[in-house]
Amino acid sequence: MSEALRSRRARRSGLSGRRGEWLAVAFLSLKGYRLLQHRFGGKGGEIDLIMARGNDIVFVEVKARASLDDAASAITADKRRLIEARIRQWLARNPWAMQRNLRADAVFLAPWRPPRHVPRVFELVL
């Protein structure tokens, strides 16, 4: 595969990811969540969304795939470890959050399907 084709695919995937993240923000906002931070982290892993509702701080992974099942299967053990590492970094910078209920959720997106919000998609090991 040529470098130009890889670059185009990466750009398209990035745009699709950002669009999916903002769709997830809108969807969760309708459920009473408010956005604290978008895309915390960077190379090597990031937390897509950090949301709050009541006493809960929710770290949200957004996955958009051809089907909701494909999206759900995209959160692998390696991905969970990367997310947990970023959560620890965020908590180190935001120690006030340790007094809150912390959880890892996911929003799965697929064409022509309503978003699927899965609370506690995995147990946090901090």
N, C-alpha and C. Protein backbone atom coordinates (compact mmCIF):
# COMPACT_ATOMS: atom_id res chain seq x y z
N MET A 1 0.86 -1.18 0.00
CA MET A 1 0.00 0.00 0.00
C MET A 1 0.90 1.24 0.00
N SER A 2 0.56 2.19 -0.83
CA SER A 2 1.38 3.39 -0.95
C SER A 2 1.21 4.28 0.28
N GLU A 3 2.21 5.10 0.50
CA GLU A 3 2.19 6.04 1.62
C GLU A 3 1.03 7.03 1.48
N ALA A 4 0.76 7.47 0.25
CA ALA A 4 -0.34 8.42 0.01
C ALA A 4 -1.69 7.79 0.33
N LEU A 5 -1.88 6.53 -0.06
CA LEU A 5 -3.14 5.84 0.23
C LEU A 5 -3.31 5.65 1.74
N ARG A 6 -2.23 5.26 2.42
CA ARG A 6 -2.28 5.11 3.88
C ARG A 6 -2.63 6.44 4.54
N SER A 7 -2.04 7.51 4.05
CA SER A 7 -2.28 8.83 4.60
C SER A 7 -3.74 9.25 4.40
N ARG A 8 -4.30 8.99 3.21
CA ARG A 8 -5.71 9.32 2.95
C ARG A 8 -6.63 8.52 3.86
N ARG A 9 -6.33 7.23 4.02
CA ARG A 9 -7.16 6.39 4.90
C ARG A 9 -7.08 6.87 6.34
N ALA A 10 -5.90 7.23 6.79
CA ALA A 10 -5.73 7.71 8.17
C ALA A 10 -6.51 9.00 8.38
N ARG A 11 -6.46 9.91 7.40
CA ARG A 11 -7.21 11.16 7.50
C ARG A 11 -8.71 10.89 7.56
N ARG A 12 -9.18 10.01 6.67
CA ARG A 12 -10.61 9.67 6.63
C ARG A 12 -11.03 9.00 7.94
N SER A 13 -10.21 8.11 8.46
CA SER A 13 -10.51 7.44 9.72
C SER A 13 -10.53 8.45 10.86
N GLY A 14 -9.59 9.39 10.85
CA GLY A 14 -9.56 10.43 11.88
C GLY A 14 -10.80 11.30 11.84
N LEU A 15 -11.22 11.69 10.64
CA LEU A 15 -12.43 12.50 10.51
C LEU A 15 -13.65 11.72 10.98
N SER A 16 -13.73 10.47 10.61
CA SER A 16 -14.84 9.63 11.03
C SER A 16 -14.85 9.48 12.54
N GLY A 17 -13.68 9.30 13.13
CA GLY A 17 -13.57 9.18 14.59
C GLY A 17 -14.03 10.43 15.30
N ARG A 18 -13.60 11.59 14.83
CA ARG A 18 -14.01 12.85 15.46
C ARG A 18 -15.52 13.07 15.32
N ARG A 19 -16.05 12.74 14.16
CA ARG A 19 -17.49 12.86 13.94
C ARG A 19 -18.24 11.94 14.91
N GLY A 20 -17.76 10.72 15.06
CA GLY A 20 -18.37 9.77 15.98
C GLY A 20 -18.30 10.24 17.42
N GLU A 21 -17.18 10.84 17.79
CA GLU A 21 -17.03 11.35 19.15
C GLU A 21 -18.02 12.46 19.43
N TRP A 22 -18.21 13.36 18.48
CA TRP A 22 -19.17 14.46 18.71
C TRP A 22 -20.61 13.95 18.70
N LEU A 23 -20.88 12.92 17.93
CA LEU A 23 -22.20 12.30 17.98
C LEU A 23 -22.42 11.67 19.37
N ALA A 24 -21.38 11.03 19.89
CA ALA A 24 -21.47 10.44 21.23
C ALA A 24 -21.67 11.51 22.30
N VAL A 25 -20.99 12.65 22.16
CA VAL A 25 -21.17 13.75 23.12
C VAL A 25 -22.62 14.21 23.09
N ALA A 26 -23.17 14.40 21.90
CA ALA A 26 -24.57 14.85 21.78
C ALA A 26 -25.52 13.82 22.38
N PHE A 27 -25.29 12.55 22.08
CA PHE A 27 -26.13 11.47 22.60
C PHE A 27 -26.08 11.42 24.13
N LEU A 28 -24.87 11.46 24.69
CA LEU A 28 -24.74 11.39 26.15
C LEU A 28 -25.27 12.66 26.81
N SER A 29 -25.13 13.80 26.15
CA SER A 29 -25.67 15.05 26.69
C SER A 29 -27.18 14.97 26.86
N LEU A 30 -27.83 14.32 25.92
CA LEU A 30 -29.28 14.13 26.03
C LEU A 30 -29.65 13.25 27.23
N LYS A 31 -28.70 12.45 27.68
CA LYS A 31 -28.91 11.59 28.84
C LYS A 31 -28.46 12.26 30.14
N GLY A 32 -28.07 13.54 30.06
CA GLY A 32 -27.72 14.28 31.26
C GLY A 32 -26.24 14.37 31.58
N TYR A 33 -25.38 13.88 30.70
CA TYR A 33 -23.93 13.96 30.91
C TYR A 33 -23.43 15.30 30.39
N ARG A 34 -22.33 15.76 30.97
CA ARG A 34 -21.68 16.96 30.43
C ARG A 34 -20.21 16.64 30.16
N LEU A 35 -19.72 17.23 29.11
CA LEU A 35 -18.34 16.97 28.67
C LEU A 35 -17.36 17.70 29.57
N LEU A 36 -16.40 16.96 30.12
CA LEU A 36 -15.31 17.56 30.88
C LEU A 36 -14.08 17.74 30.00
N GLN A 37 -13.80 16.72 29.19
CA GLN A 37 -12.61 16.79 28.33
C GLN A 37 -12.79 15.88 27.13
N HIS A 38 -12.23 16.33 26.02
CA HIS A 38 -12.28 15.58 24.76
C HIS A 38 -10.86 15.21 24.37
N ARG A 39 -10.65 13.94 24.07
CA ARG A 39 -9.35 13.43 23.60
C ARG A 39 -8.20 13.74 24.55
N PHE A 40 -8.25 13.16 25.71
CA PHE A 40 -7.14 13.31 26.66
C PHE A 40 -6.11 12.24 26.36
N GLY A 41 -4.86 12.65 26.25
CA GLY A 41 -3.77 11.71 25.99
C GLY A 41 -3.10 12.08 24.70
N GLY A 42 -2.75 11.08 23.95
CA GLY A 42 -2.09 11.36 22.68
C GLY A 42 -1.56 10.08 22.10
N LYS A 43 -0.40 10.18 21.45
CA LYS A 43 0.20 9.01 20.83
C LYS A 43 0.36 7.92 21.88
N GLY A 44 0.00 6.73 21.49
CA GLY A 44 0.10 5.63 22.43
C GLY A 44 -1.20 5.39 23.18
N GLY A 45 -2.20 6.19 22.90
CA GLY A 45 -3.51 5.97 23.52
C GLY A 45 -4.11 7.24 24.06
N GLU A 46 -5.41 7.29 24.03
CA GLU A 46 -6.11 8.46 24.55
C GLU A 46 -7.48 8.03 25.06
N ILE A 47 -8.04 8.88 25.88
CA ILE A 47 -9.41 8.72 26.32
C ILE A 47 -10.24 9.60 25.40
N ASP A 48 -11.20 9.01 24.70
CA ASP A 48 -11.98 9.79 23.74
C ASP A 48 -12.76 10.91 24.42
N LEU A 49 -13.52 10.56 25.46
CA LEU A 49 -14.36 11.54 26.15
C LEU A 49 -14.28 11.32 27.65
N ILE A 50 -14.29 12.40 28.39
CA ILE A 50 -14.44 12.33 29.84
C ILE A 50 -15.68 13.15 30.14
N MET A 51 -16.67 12.46 30.70
CA MET A 51 -17.99 13.06 30.94
C MET A 51 -18.31 12.99 32.43
N ALA A 52 -19.24 13.84 32.85
CA ALA A 52 -19.69 13.82 34.24
C ALA A 52 -21.21 13.85 34.28
N ARG A 53 -21.75 13.18 35.28
CA ARG A 53 -23.18 13.25 35.56
C ARG A 53 -23.34 12.93 37.04
N GLY A 54 -23.93 13.88 37.76
CA GLY A 54 -24.08 13.70 39.21
C GLY A 54 -22.71 13.50 39.84
N ASN A 55 -22.55 12.42 40.59
CA ASN A 55 -21.29 12.12 41.27
C ASN A 55 -20.39 11.19 40.45
N ASP A 56 -20.74 10.97 39.20
CA ASP A 56 -19.99 10.04 38.35
C ASP A 56 -19.05 10.78 37.41
N ILE A 57 -17.84 10.26 37.29
CA ILE A 57 -16.90 10.67 36.25
C ILE A 57 -16.79 9.44 35.34
N VAL A 58 -17.06 9.66 34.06
CA VAL A 58 -17.16 8.55 33.11
C VAL A 58 -16.13 8.75 32.00
N PHE A 59 -15.28 7.75 31.83
CA PHE A 59 -14.28 7.74 30.78
C PHE A 59 -14.87 6.92 29.63
N VAL A 60 -15.08 7.58 28.49
CA VAL A 60 -15.86 6.97 27.41
C VAL A 60 -14.98 6.66 26.21
N GLU A 61 -15.03 5.42 25.78
CA GLU A 61 -14.39 4.99 24.54
C GLU A 61 -15.48 4.96 23.48
N VAL A 62 -15.22 5.61 22.34
CA VAL A 62 -16.19 5.66 21.24
C VAL A 62 -15.65 4.80 20.11
N LYS A 63 -16.47 3.87 19.65
CA LYS A 63 -16.07 3.00 18.55
C LYS A 63 -17.15 3.03 17.47
N ALA A 64 -16.75 3.37 16.26
CA ALA A 64 -17.65 3.37 15.10
C ALA A 64 -17.15 2.31 14.13
N ARG A 65 -18.03 1.39 13.80
CA ARG A 65 -17.69 0.31 12.88
C ARG A 65 -18.90 0.03 11.98
N ALA A 66 -18.76 -0.94 11.10
CA ALA A 66 -19.84 -1.29 10.17
C ALA A 66 -21.05 -1.85 10.92
N SER A 67 -20.82 -2.50 12.05
CA SER A 67 -21.92 -3.02 12.86
C SER A 67 -21.63 -2.74 14.33
N LEU A 68 -22.67 -2.74 15.15
CA LEU A 68 -22.49 -2.50 16.58
C LEU A 68 -21.66 -3.61 17.22
N ASP A 69 -21.82 -4.85 16.75
CA ASP A 69 -21.02 -5.95 17.28
C ASP A 69 -19.54 -5.77 16.95
N ASP A 70 -19.25 -5.32 15.73
CA ASP A 70 -17.85 -5.05 15.36
C ASP A 70 -17.27 -3.94 16.24
N ALA A 71 -18.08 -2.94 16.51
CA ALA A 71 -17.62 -1.84 17.36
C ALA A 71 -17.32 -2.36 18.76
N ALA A 72 -18.20 -3.20 19.29
CA ALA A 72 -18.00 -3.73 20.64
C ALA A 72 -16.74 -4.58 20.73
N SER A 73 -16.46 -5.34 19.69
CA SER A 73 -15.28 -6.22 19.74
C SER A 73 -13.97 -5.45 19.55
N ALA A 74 -14.04 -4.17 19.23
CA ALA A 74 -12.83 -3.37 19.01
C ALA A 74 -12.16 -2.94 20.32
N ILE A 75 -12.81 -3.15 21.45
CA ILE A 75 -12.18 -2.81 22.73
C ILE A 75 -11.50 -4.08 23.25
N THR A 76 -10.23 -4.19 22.90
CA THR A 76 -9.44 -5.36 23.25
C THR A 76 -8.78 -5.18 24.62
N ALA A 77 -8.15 -6.22 25.11
CA ALA A 77 -7.42 -6.14 26.38
C ALA A 77 -6.30 -5.09 26.29
N ASP A 78 -5.60 -5.05 25.16
CA ASP A 78 -4.54 -4.04 24.99
C ASP A 78 -5.12 -2.63 25.02
N LYS A 79 -6.26 -2.43 24.37
CA LYS A 79 -6.90 -1.12 24.35
C LYS A 79 -7.31 -0.73 25.78
N ARG A 80 -7.84 -1.68 26.55
CA ARG A 80 -8.23 -1.39 27.94
C ARG A 80 -7.01 -0.94 28.75
N ARG A 81 -5.88 -1.62 28.58
CA ARG A 81 -4.67 -1.24 29.32
C ARG A 81 -4.23 0.19 28.97
N LEU A 82 -4.29 0.53 27.69
CA LEU A 82 -3.92 1.89 27.27
C LEU A 82 -4.87 2.92 27.88
N ILE A 83 -6.17 2.62 27.85
CA ILE A 83 -7.16 3.54 28.42
C ILE A 83 -6.91 3.71 29.91
N GLU A 84 -6.68 2.62 30.62
CA GLU A 84 -6.43 2.70 32.07
C GLU A 84 -5.19 3.52 32.38
N ALA A 85 -4.15 3.40 31.56
CA ALA A 85 -2.94 4.20 31.77
C ALA A 85 -3.26 5.69 31.62
N ARG A 86 -4.06 6.04 30.62
CA ARG A 86 -4.45 7.44 30.43
C ARG A 86 -5.36 7.92 31.56
N ILE A 87 -6.23 7.05 32.06
CA ILE A 87 -7.10 7.42 33.18
C ILE A 87 -6.24 7.74 34.40
N ARG A 88 -5.22 6.92 34.65
CA ARG A 88 -4.32 7.21 35.79
C ARG A 88 -3.64 8.56 35.61
N GLN A 89 -3.22 8.88 34.38
CA GLN A 89 -2.61 10.19 34.12
C GLN A 89 -3.61 11.31 34.38
N TRP A 90 -4.82 11.15 33.90
CA TRP A 90 -5.83 12.19 34.09
C TRP A 90 -6.13 12.38 35.57
N LEU A 91 -6.26 11.28 36.30
CA LEU A 91 -6.54 11.38 37.74
C LEU A 91 -5.40 12.03 38.50
N ALA A 92 -4.16 11.80 38.07
CA ALA A 92 -3.01 12.45 38.71
C ALA A 92 -3.09 13.97 38.54
N ARG A 93 -3.63 14.42 37.43
CA ARG A 93 -3.78 15.86 37.18
C ARG A 93 -5.08 16.43 37.75
N ASN A 94 -6.01 15.56 38.09
CA ASN A 94 -7.32 15.96 38.59
C ASN A 94 -7.67 15.16 39.85
N PRO A 95 -6.90 15.32 40.93
CA PRO A 95 -7.10 14.49 42.12
C PRO A 95 -8.49 14.65 42.75
N TRP A 96 -9.16 15.76 42.51
CA TRP A 96 -10.51 15.96 43.03
C TRP A 96 -11.46 14.86 42.57
N ALA A 97 -11.17 14.28 41.40
CA ALA A 97 -12.06 13.27 40.83
C ALA A 97 -12.02 11.95 41.60
N MET A 98 -10.98 11.74 42.41
CA MET A 98 -10.88 10.49 43.17
C MET A 98 -12.01 10.37 44.19
N GLN A 99 -12.66 11.47 44.51
CA GLN A 99 -13.78 11.45 45.45
C GLN A 99 -15.10 11.10 44.75
N ARG A 100 -15.05 10.87 43.48
CA ARG A 100 -16.25 10.58 42.68
C ARG A 100 -16.31 9.10 42.31
N ASN A 101 -17.45 8.69 41.80
CA ASN A 101 -17.59 7.33 41.25
C ASN A 101 -16.96 7.33 39.86
N LEU A 102 -16.01 6.45 39.64
CA LEU A 102 -15.29 6.38 38.36
C LEU A 102 -15.72 5.13 37.62
N ARG A 103 -15.91 5.29 36.31
CA ARG A 103 -16.22 4.09 35.52
C ARG A 103 -15.79 4.30 34.07
N ALA A 104 -15.66 3.18 33.37
CA ALA A 104 -15.32 3.18 31.95
C ALA A 104 -16.55 2.73 31.16
N ASP A 105 -17.03 3.60 30.30
CA ASP A 105 -18.19 3.30 29.46
C ASP A 105 -17.74 3.27 28.00
N ALA A 106 -18.65 2.86 27.15
CA ALA A 106 -18.40 2.91 25.72
C ALA A 106 -19.67 3.35 25.01
N VAL A 107 -19.47 4.01 23.89
CA VAL A 107 -20.56 4.29 22.97
C VAL A 107 -20.17 3.66 21.64
N PHE A 108 -21.03 2.74 21.18
CA PHE A 108 -20.79 2.05 19.92
C PHE A 108 -21.70 2.65 18.85
N LEU A 109 -21.12 2.89 17.68
CA LEU A 109 -21.84 3.52 16.57
C LEU A 109 -21.72 2.65 15.32
N ALA A 110 -22.82 2.58 14.58
CA ALA A 110 -22.83 1.89 13.29
C ALA A 110 -23.83 2.61 12.40
N PRO A 111 -23.60 2.57 11.10
CA PRO A 111 -24.52 3.26 10.18
C PRO A 111 -25.95 2.78 10.35
N TRP A 112 -26.87 3.70 10.34
CA TRP A 112 -28.31 3.44 10.37
C TRP A 112 -28.78 2.73 11.63
N ARG A 113 -28.00 2.82 12.69
CA ARG A 113 -28.36 2.24 13.97
C ARG A 113 -28.29 3.33 15.03
N PRO A 114 -29.17 3.28 16.03
CA PRO A 114 -29.03 4.24 17.13
C PRO A 114 -27.76 3.91 17.92
N PRO A 115 -27.12 4.91 18.49
CA PRO A 115 -25.92 4.65 19.29
C PRO A 115 -26.25 3.71 20.45
N ARG A 116 -25.27 2.91 20.83
CA ARG A 116 -25.43 2.00 21.98
C ARG A 116 -24.46 2.45 23.07
N HIS A 117 -25.02 2.90 24.20
CA HIS A 117 -24.22 3.30 25.36
C HIS A 117 -24.12 2.10 26.29
N VAL A 118 -22.90 1.69 26.60
CA VAL A 118 -22.68 0.55 27.49
C VAL A 118 -21.94 1.04 28.73
N PRO A 119 -22.66 1.24 29.84
CA PRO A 119 -21.99 1.62 31.09
C PRO A 119 -21.12 0.46 31.58
N ARG A 120 -20.01 0.81 32.21
CA ARG A 120 -19.09 -0.18 32.77
C ARG A 120 -18.73 -1.27 31.76
N VAL A 121 -18.27 -0.81 30.60
CA VAL A 121 -17.89 -1.74 29.53
C VAL A 121 -16.76 -2.65 30.00
N PHE A 122 -15.95 -2.17 30.93
CA PHE A 122 -14.96 -3.02 31.60
C PHE A 122 -14.69 -2.42 32.97
N GLU A 123 -14.23 -3.27 33.89
CA GLU A 123 -13.91 -2.83 35.24
C GLU A 123 -12.56 -2.12 35.23
N LEU A 124 -12.51 -0.98 35.87
CA LEU A 124 -11.26 -0.24 35.96
C LEU A 124 -10.34 -0.90 36.97
N VAL A 125 -9.07 -1.04 36.58
CA VAL A 125 -8.03 -1.52 37.48
C VAL A 125 -7.02 -0.38 37.59
N LEU A 126 -7.22 0.43 38.63
CA LEU A 126 -6.36 1.61 38.78
C LEU A 126 -5.41 1.34 39.91
